[in-house]
Structure formats: structure tokens, C-alpha cells
């Protein structure tokens, strides 16, 4: 029930799986697949990085982000490039 006095819920994207969400802690976009190697095709992280992400220090996370951005082959970046062209 909504009495009408409740404020609507707004989303700031801080927990988003959106590709353009640079403020997100994790590179995950919810497309988890590893074909023929140990690299997730969705986010570009290794299986070890995905499994241990919550235990990584901020410096370790930043290093992974730098590597996967430089590589740019994960679906995260392919989708973002398409979205950027549409804007």
C-alpha cells in the first residue's frame, strides 16, 4: 500500500549493472561467461578476480579496472561503445 505520503524511490546508479556506471565498485554487468579460457566475457576479469573481488583492496580493484579498460574487449565496453554512439 502506498499512502501517497511516501517519497518515491530514486536510483543513483551506485549498484547498477549499467555499462556506463563508472562509479560502480564492480565491473560486473551480469553476463557471466567464460568460453575457452578463464576470462569472463562480460566484464573482462579472470575467474580468480571475480571470485575474490570482495576481498580485494581498493588498489587491487583499481589495477583490475585499469587493465580491463585498457583491453576494452569485454562486453561491458562493447555495449558502452554502442550506447555512446547513440547519444
N, C-alpha and C. Protein backbone atom coordinates (compact mmCIF):
# COMPACT_ATOMS: atom_id res chain seq x y z
N UNK A 1 0.82 -1.19 0.00
CA UNK A 1 0.00 0.00 0.00
C UNK A 1 0.86 1.25 0.00
N UNK A 2 0.41 2.20 -0.73
CA UNK A 2 1.11 3.48 -0.76
C UNK A 2 0.13 4.55 -0.32
N UNK A 3 0.41 5.18 0.80
CA UNK A 3 -0.48 6.19 1.35
C UNK A 3 -0.38 7.53 0.62
N UNK A 4 0.58 7.63 -0.28
CA UNK A 4 0.77 8.87 -1.01
C UNK A 4 1.74 9.81 -0.35
N UNK A 5 2.08 9.54 0.91
CA UNK A 5 3.00 10.42 1.62
C UNK A 5 4.44 9.92 1.55
N UNK A 6 4.64 8.73 0.99
CA UNK A 6 5.99 8.20 0.89
C UNK A 6 6.70 8.82 -0.30
N UNK A 7 7.99 9.07 -0.12
CA UNK A 7 8.79 9.61 -1.21
C UNK A 7 9.08 8.49 -2.20
N UNK A 8 9.05 8.78 -3.49
CA UNK A 8 9.37 7.74 -4.47
C UNK A 8 10.83 7.33 -4.35
N UNK A 9 11.08 6.08 -4.62
CA UNK A 9 12.44 5.56 -4.57
C UNK A 9 13.18 6.03 -5.81
N UNK A 10 14.35 6.63 -5.61
CA UNK A 10 15.17 7.05 -6.74
C UNK A 10 16.43 6.21 -6.75
N UNK A 11 16.95 5.98 -7.92
CA UNK A 11 18.17 5.20 -8.06
C UNK A 11 19.29 6.09 -8.54
N UNK A 12 20.42 6.00 -7.86
CA UNK A 12 21.55 6.84 -8.25
C UNK A 12 22.56 6.09 -9.09
N UNK A 13 22.30 4.80 -9.35
CA UNK A 13 23.21 4.02 -10.17
C UNK A 13 24.37 3.43 -9.41
N UNK A 14 24.45 3.62 -8.11
CA UNK A 14 25.60 3.13 -7.35
C UNK A 14 25.66 1.61 -7.27
N UNK A 15 24.55 0.95 -7.53
CA UNK A 15 24.55 -0.51 -7.52
C UNK A 15 24.11 -1.05 -8.87
N UNK A 16 24.38 -0.30 -9.89
CA UNK A 16 23.89 -0.61 -11.23
C UNK A 16 24.81 -1.58 -11.96
N UNK A 17 24.22 -2.37 -12.84
CA UNK A 17 24.99 -3.20 -13.74
C UNK A 17 25.13 -2.51 -15.10
N UNK A 18 24.82 -1.25 -15.12
CA UNK A 18 24.89 -0.47 -16.35
C UNK A 18 26.33 -0.34 -16.82
N UNK A 19 26.52 -0.35 -18.12
CA UNK A 19 27.87 -0.28 -18.66
C UNK A 19 28.53 1.07 -18.46
N UNK A 20 27.75 2.14 -18.39
CA UNK A 20 28.33 3.47 -18.26
C UNK A 20 28.53 3.91 -16.83
N UNK A 21 28.36 3.01 -15.90
CA UNK A 21 28.42 3.35 -14.49
C UNK A 21 29.86 3.32 -14.00
N UNK A 22 30.58 4.42 -14.15
CA UNK A 22 31.98 4.47 -13.73
C UNK A 22 32.13 4.47 -12.22
N UNK A 23 31.07 4.77 -11.49
CA UNK A 23 31.16 4.81 -10.04
C UNK A 23 30.92 3.42 -9.41
N UNK A 24 30.56 2.45 -10.21
CA UNK A 24 30.28 1.12 -9.69
C UNK A 24 31.56 0.50 -9.14
N UNK A 25 31.42 -0.22 -8.04
CA UNK A 25 32.57 -0.89 -7.44
C UNK A 25 33.04 -2.05 -8.32
N UNK A 26 32.11 -2.77 -8.89
CA UNK A 26 32.43 -3.97 -9.65
C UNK A 26 32.21 -3.77 -11.14
N UNK A 27 33.06 -4.36 -11.97
CA UNK A 27 32.87 -4.27 -13.42
C UNK A 27 31.76 -5.19 -13.93
N UNK A 28 31.16 -5.99 -13.06
CA UNK A 28 30.16 -6.97 -13.47
C UNK A 28 28.97 -6.31 -14.15
N UNK A 29 28.53 -6.90 -15.27
CA UNK A 29 27.32 -6.44 -15.95
C UNK A 29 26.26 -7.53 -15.96
N UNK A 30 26.48 -8.60 -15.18
CA UNK A 30 25.51 -9.68 -15.08
C UNK A 30 25.51 -10.63 -16.25
N UNK A 31 26.54 -10.60 -17.06
CA UNK A 31 26.70 -11.52 -18.18
C UNK A 31 27.96 -12.31 -17.91
N UNK A 32 27.82 -13.39 -17.19
CA UNK A 32 28.98 -14.16 -16.76
C UNK A 32 29.19 -15.36 -17.68
N UNK A 33 30.25 -15.31 -18.44
CA UNK A 33 30.55 -16.42 -19.35
C UNK A 33 32.05 -16.49 -19.59
N UNK A 34 32.56 -17.69 -19.56
CA UNK A 34 33.96 -17.91 -19.86
C UNK A 34 34.03 -19.02 -20.91
N UNK A 35 34.38 -18.65 -22.10
CA UNK A 35 34.49 -19.62 -23.19
C UNK A 35 35.95 -19.85 -23.52
N UNK A 36 36.41 -21.06 -23.32
CA UNK A 36 37.74 -21.50 -23.74
C UNK A 36 38.90 -20.87 -22.96
N UNK A 37 38.63 -20.06 -21.99
CA UNK A 37 39.71 -19.51 -21.17
C UNK A 37 39.14 -19.14 -19.81
N UNK A 38 39.91 -18.46 -18.99
CA UNK A 38 39.46 -18.10 -17.65
C UNK A 38 39.15 -16.62 -17.52
N UNK A 39 38.74 -16.00 -18.61
CA UNK A 39 38.38 -14.58 -18.60
C UNK A 39 36.88 -14.46 -18.84
N UNK A 40 36.20 -13.73 -17.97
CA UNK A 40 34.77 -13.50 -18.15
C UNK A 40 34.57 -12.60 -19.36
N UNK A 41 33.75 -13.04 -20.28
CA UNK A 41 33.49 -12.26 -21.49
C UNK A 41 32.63 -11.03 -21.21
N UNK A 42 31.90 -11.04 -20.08
CA UNK A 42 31.06 -9.90 -19.73
C UNK A 42 31.84 -8.73 -19.17
N UNK A 43 32.74 -9.03 -18.21
CA UNK A 43 33.44 -7.94 -17.52
C UNK A 43 34.94 -7.88 -17.79
N UNK A 44 35.52 -8.96 -18.28
CA UNK A 44 36.95 -8.97 -18.59
C UNK A 44 37.86 -9.40 -17.46
N UNK A 45 37.27 -9.76 -16.31
CA UNK A 45 38.10 -10.21 -15.18
C UNK A 45 38.39 -11.70 -15.27
N UNK A 46 39.47 -12.11 -14.61
CA UNK A 46 39.78 -13.54 -14.52
C UNK A 46 38.83 -14.19 -13.50
N UNK A 47 38.74 -15.49 -13.54
CA UNK A 47 37.89 -16.20 -12.57
C UNK A 47 38.35 -15.91 -11.15
N UNK A 48 39.65 -15.83 -10.93
CA UNK A 48 40.19 -15.52 -9.61
C UNK A 48 39.76 -14.12 -9.16
N UNK A 49 39.80 -13.16 -10.07
CA UNK A 49 39.40 -11.79 -9.74
C UNK A 49 37.91 -11.71 -9.42
N UNK A 50 37.09 -12.43 -10.17
CA UNK A 50 35.65 -12.44 -9.91
C UNK A 50 35.38 -13.06 -8.55
N UNK A 51 36.00 -14.21 -8.28
CA UNK A 51 35.77 -14.94 -7.04
C UNK A 51 36.23 -14.19 -5.81
N UNK A 52 37.29 -13.43 -5.94
CA UNK A 52 37.88 -12.77 -4.76
C UNK A 52 37.66 -11.27 -4.71
N UNK A 53 36.84 -10.73 -5.60
CA UNK A 53 36.64 -9.30 -5.70
C UNK A 53 36.32 -8.64 -4.36
N UNK A 54 35.45 -9.26 -3.58
CA UNK A 54 35.03 -8.66 -2.30
C UNK A 54 36.17 -8.58 -1.30
N UNK A 55 37.23 -9.34 -1.52
CA UNK A 55 38.37 -9.33 -0.61
C UNK A 55 39.49 -8.42 -1.09
N UNK A 56 39.39 -7.90 -2.30
CA UNK A 56 40.44 -7.05 -2.86
C UNK A 56 40.47 -5.69 -2.18
N UNK A 57 41.67 -5.15 -2.05
CA UNK A 57 41.81 -3.77 -1.57
C UNK A 57 41.39 -2.83 -2.71
N UNK A 58 41.19 -1.57 -2.41
CA UNK A 58 40.83 -0.61 -3.45
C UNK A 58 41.92 -0.51 -4.51
N UNK A 59 43.17 -0.59 -4.09
CA UNK A 59 44.28 -0.53 -5.05
C UNK A 59 44.24 -1.72 -6.01
N UNK A 60 43.94 -2.91 -5.48
CA UNK A 60 43.84 -4.10 -6.34
C UNK A 60 42.68 -3.96 -7.32
N UNK A 61 41.55 -3.45 -6.84
CA UNK A 61 40.40 -3.24 -7.72
C UNK A 61 40.74 -2.23 -8.81
N UNK A 62 41.40 -1.15 -8.43
CA UNK A 62 41.78 -0.11 -9.40
C UNK A 62 42.70 -0.68 -10.49
N UNK A 63 43.62 -1.56 -10.09
CA UNK A 63 44.53 -2.19 -11.04
C UNK A 63 43.76 -3.04 -12.05
N UNK A 64 42.78 -3.79 -11.56
CA UNK A 64 41.96 -4.62 -12.45
C UNK A 64 41.16 -3.73 -13.40
N UNK A 65 40.52 -2.68 -12.84
CA UNK A 65 39.76 -1.74 -13.68
C UNK A 65 40.64 -1.17 -14.79
N UNK A 66 41.87 -0.76 -14.45
CA UNK A 66 42.78 -0.19 -15.45
C UNK A 66 43.08 -1.20 -16.55
N UNK A 67 43.33 -2.45 -16.17
CA UNK A 67 43.65 -3.48 -17.15
C UNK A 67 42.47 -3.77 -18.08
N UNK A 68 41.28 -3.94 -17.51
CA UNK A 68 40.15 -4.30 -18.37
C UNK A 68 39.71 -3.12 -19.24
N UNK A 69 39.89 -1.88 -18.75
CA UNK A 69 39.58 -0.71 -19.59
C UNK A 69 40.58 -0.60 -20.74
N UNK A 70 41.86 -0.84 -20.45
CA UNK A 70 42.89 -0.77 -21.48
C UNK A 70 42.66 -1.85 -22.54
N UNK A 71 42.25 -3.03 -22.10
CA UNK A 71 41.99 -4.12 -23.03
C UNK A 71 40.74 -3.81 -23.86
N UNK A 72 39.67 -3.42 -23.19
CA UNK A 72 38.45 -2.97 -23.86
C UNK A 72 37.68 -4.00 -24.65
N UNK A 73 37.98 -5.29 -24.49
CA UNK A 73 37.30 -6.31 -25.29
C UNK A 73 36.09 -6.93 -24.61
N UNK A 74 35.92 -6.72 -23.32
CA UNK A 74 34.78 -7.30 -22.61
C UNK A 74 33.47 -6.70 -23.12
N UNK A 75 32.37 -7.46 -22.99
CA UNK A 75 31.06 -6.98 -23.42
C UNK A 75 30.70 -5.66 -22.76
N UNK A 76 31.17 -5.45 -21.53
CA UNK A 76 30.93 -4.19 -20.81
C UNK A 76 31.33 -3.01 -21.68
N UNK A 77 32.46 -3.10 -22.32
CA UNK A 77 33.00 -1.99 -23.09
C UNK A 77 32.43 -1.97 -24.50
N UNK A 78 32.10 -3.12 -25.05
CA UNK A 78 31.47 -3.18 -26.37
C UNK A 78 30.10 -2.51 -26.31
N UNK A 79 29.33 -2.84 -25.27
CA UNK A 79 28.00 -2.26 -25.11
C UNK A 79 28.08 -0.77 -24.84
N UNK A 80 29.08 -0.36 -24.05
CA UNK A 80 29.20 1.06 -23.73
C UNK A 80 29.54 1.86 -25.01
N UNK A 81 30.39 1.30 -25.85
CA UNK A 81 30.74 1.98 -27.09
C UNK A 81 29.51 2.17 -27.97
N UNK A 82 28.65 1.15 -28.03
CA UNK A 82 27.41 1.26 -28.82
C UNK A 82 26.48 2.31 -28.22
N UNK A 83 26.36 2.32 -26.89
CA UNK A 83 25.50 3.30 -26.23
C UNK A 83 25.99 4.71 -26.44
N UNK A 84 27.32 4.89 -26.41
CA UNK A 84 27.90 6.21 -26.62
C UNK A 84 27.62 6.74 -28.02
N UNK A 85 27.59 5.84 -29.02
CA UNK A 85 27.32 6.25 -30.40
C UNK A 85 25.87 6.71 -30.56
N UNK A 86 24.98 6.15 -29.75
CA UNK A 86 23.57 6.50 -29.85
C UNK A 86 23.25 7.85 -29.21
N UNK A 87 24.13 8.32 -28.35
CA UNK A 87 23.85 9.57 -27.64
C UNK A 87 24.21 10.77 -28.44
